[in-house]
Amino acid sequence: MVLWHYELNTLMGAMRAAFDCRGRLRELAVEGLDPRKTSPLPPKEQREAKRYLDRQLDAYLAGTLRTFTVPVDPQGSPMQLRIWDTVRTVPYGQSRRPADLAAWLGVDEDLIVMACAANPIVVLVPSHRVVLPGEGPLPKALRELESGMGWRRP
């Protein structure tokens, strides 16, 4: 399957996005484009999907968007997909502990932590709403944005 890779310049910094041939977001990472993952010139539909993601990320970071409508298709194990689906139900501006989700799903807390750490689509699959032990500054900055404090780059 061909993936179309893009480098995004956002208030969060350089991000890398990959879309499948149907325009569904498969990866979104806070890092620059990996030169090993190059794509031919994408068709018009792919460029439109990227521009749509750009607009939604800009609106989210400006505090005017709470729910993303970019189609996503994260790739992972059945358990990871189940956990990521559950993470997507955590409301904007709220957070949960891994133990909360583990109890809800009837799984071990470590599975929640590992799935959140392996999340291939940051922000849109909001694993930053799950407060992980030893997390970096980005999840905290995203939670502060959602609490009304505005975006402050960590």
Protein backbone atom coordinates (compact mmCIF):
# COMPACT_ATOMS: atom_id res chain seq x y z
CA MET A 1 0.00 0.00 0.00
CA VAL A 2 1.29 3.43 -0.92
CA LEU A 3 1.43 6.01 1.84
CA TRP A 4 1.71 9.70 1.04
CA HIS A 5 4.10 11.42 3.45
CA TYR A 6 4.06 15.09 4.32
CA GLU A 7 6.00 17.42 6.53
CA LEU A 8 3.78 19.84 8.45
CA ASN A 9 4.90 23.10 10.00
CA THR A 10 2.68 23.71 13.03
CA LEU A 11 2.81 25.70 16.22
CA MET A 12 3.87 22.41 17.81
CA GLY A 13 6.91 22.32 15.52
CA ALA A 14 7.71 20.03 12.63
CA MET A 15 5.31 17.13 12.26
CA ARG A 16 5.22 14.19 9.89
CA ALA A 17 1.93 12.88 8.49
CA ALA A 18 1.19 9.85 6.32
CA PHE A 19 -2.10 9.24 4.48
CA ASP A 20 -3.26 6.07 2.76
CA CYS A 21 -4.65 6.03 -0.78
CA ARG A 22 -8.17 6.72 0.55
CA GLY A 23 -7.07 9.88 2.37
CA ARG A 24 -7.18 8.35 5.87
CA LEU A 25 -4.49 9.49 8.27
CA ARG A 26 -2.25 6.55 9.19
CA GLU A 27 0.54 8.35 11.07
CA LEU A 28 1.04 11.72 12.73
CA ALA A 29 4.22 12.32 14.66
CA VAL A 30 5.92 15.32 16.20
CA GLU A 31 9.10 15.13 14.17
CA GLY A 32 10.37 16.17 10.78
CA LEU A 33 10.02 14.19 7.58
CA ASP A 34 12.07 11.03 7.42
CA PRO A 35 14.00 11.28 4.11
CA ARG A 36 13.76 7.49 3.79
CA LYS A 37 9.98 7.85 3.49
CA THR A 38 9.61 9.80 0.29
CA SER A 39 6.53 9.89 -1.89
CA PRO A 40 5.98 10.76 -5.50
CA LEU A 41 3.90 13.88 -6.16
CA PRO A 42 0.57 13.04 -4.52
CA PRO A 43 -2.71 13.22 -6.40
CA LYS A 44 -5.03 16.17 -5.79
CA GLU A 45 -7.17 14.23 -3.28
CA GLN A 46 -4.12 13.57 -1.12
CA ARG A 47 -3.05 17.20 -1.15
CA GLU A 48 -6.58 18.18 -0.09
CA ALA A 49 -6.49 15.67 2.80
CA LYS A 50 -3.20 17.21 3.96
CA ARG A 51 -4.61 20.77 3.75
CA TYR A 52 -7.67 19.64 5.74
CA LEU A 53 -5.40 18.23 8.45
CA ASP A 54 -3.39 21.50 8.45
CA ARG A 55 -6.56 23.55 9.00
CA GLN A 56 -7.80 21.29 11.78
CA LEU A 57 -4.44 21.27 13.62
CA ASP A 58 -4.24 25.08 13.36
CA ALA A 59 -7.78 25.44 14.74
CA TYR A 60 -7.08 22.96 17.55
CA LEU A 61 -3.90 24.78 18.59
CA ALA A 62 -5.79 28.10 18.44
CA GLY A 63 -8.33 26.62 20.86
CA THR A 64 -11.25 26.78 18.41
CA LEU A 65 -11.54 23.07 17.52
CA ARG A 66 -12.41 20.37 20.02
CA THR A 67 -13.29 17.43 17.78
CA PHE A 68 -11.21 16.33 14.80
CA THR A 69 -13.02 15.03 11.73
CA VAL A 70 -9.96 13.95 9.76
CA PRO A 71 -10.47 10.25 8.96
CA VAL A 72 -7.90 8.15 10.81
CA ASP A 73 -6.77 4.57 10.33
CA PRO A 74 -4.15 3.75 12.97
CA GLN A 75 -2.39 0.43 12.51
CA GLY A 76 -1.81 -1.79 15.51
CA SER A 77 -2.79 -4.99 17.25
CA PRO A 78 -6.47 -5.64 18.00
CA MET A 79 -5.83 -4.72 21.64
CA GLN A 80 -4.08 -1.47 20.70
CA LEU A 81 -6.96 -0.56 18.39
CA ARG A 82 -9.44 -1.23 21.19
CA ILE A 83 -7.46 0.95 23.60
CA TRP A 84 -7.04 3.77 21.05
CA ASP A 85 -10.79 3.69 20.34
CA THR A 86 -11.40 4.05 24.08
CA VAL A 87 -8.85 6.87 24.36
CA ARG A 88 -10.77 8.73 21.63
CA THR A 89 -13.85 8.75 23.90
CA VAL A 90 -12.10 10.78 26.63
CA PRO A 91 -13.71 14.22 26.31
CA TYR A 92 -11.75 17.32 25.33
CA GLY A 93 -10.29 19.01 28.39
CA GLN A 94 -10.50 15.91 30.57
CA SER A 95 -7.91 13.32 31.48
CA ARG A 96 -7.82 9.79 32.76
CA ARG A 97 -5.30 7.62 34.52
CA PRO A 98 -4.20 4.38 32.89
CA ALA A 99 -5.83 2.55 35.81
CA ASP A 100 -9.20 4.14 34.92
CA LEU A 101 -9.07 2.86 31.35
CA ALA A 102 -7.70 -0.51 32.45
CA ALA A 103 -10.64 -0.99 34.80
CA TRP A 104 -13.10 0.11 32.11
CA LEU A 105 -11.65 -2.30 29.52
CA GLY A 106 -10.85 -5.12 31.95
CA VAL A 107 -7.19 -5.24 30.96
CA ASP A 108 -3.85 -4.79 32.67
CA GLU A 109 -2.79 -1.18 33.24
CA ASP A 110 0.56 -1.85 31.50
CA LEU A 111 -1.32 -2.54 28.24
CA ILE A 112 -2.87 0.93 28.43
CA VAL A 113 0.52 2.57 29.02
CA MET A 114 2.17 0.64 26.18
CA ALA A 115 -0.66 1.34 23.72
CA CYS A 116 -0.63 5.06 24.53
CA ALA A 117 3.15 5.17 24.11
CA ALA A 118 2.84 3.38 20.74
CA ASN A 119 0.05 5.65 19.45
CA PRO A 120 0.89 6.35 15.78
CA ILE A 121 -1.46 9.34 15.46
CA VAL A 122 -0.63 11.93 18.11
CA VAL A 123 -3.21 14.59 19.00
CA LEU A 124 -6.03 13.08 16.88
CA VAL A 125 -5.93 9.87 18.92
CA PRO A 126 -5.60 11.87 22.14
CA SER A 127 -3.37 9.69 24.27
CA HIS A 128 -2.20 12.96 25.86
CA ARG A 129 -5.49 12.77 27.80
CA VAL A 130 -4.16 9.67 29.55
CA VAL A 131 -1.65 10.80 32.17
CA LEU A 132 1.27 8.42 31.78
CA PRO A 133 4.14 7.90 34.22
CA GLY A 134 7.31 9.56 32.98
CA GLU A 135 5.64 11.33 30.07
CA GLY A 136 7.39 14.14 28.26
CA PRO A 137 6.35 17.80 28.16
CA LEU A 138 4.14 17.59 25.05
CA PRO A 139 1.19 15.72 26.64
CA LYS A 140 1.13 18.19 29.52
CA ALA A 141 1.21 21.14 27.09
CA LEU A 142 -1.71 19.64 25.15
CA ARG A 143 -3.72 19.12 28.35
CA GLU A 144 -3.02 22.75 29.33
CA LEU A 145 -4.23 23.89 25.90
CA GLU A 146 -7.44 21.92 26.38
CA SER A 147 -7.93 23.36 29.87
CA GLY A 148 -8.11 26.85 28.37
CA MET A 149 -4.57 27.99 29.08
CA GLY A 150 -3.76 28.32 25.37
CA TRP A 151 -0.94 26.70 23.43
CA ARG A 152 2.54 27.04 24.88
CA ARG A 153 5.23 25.12 23.09
CA PRO A 154 7.07 22.91 25.59
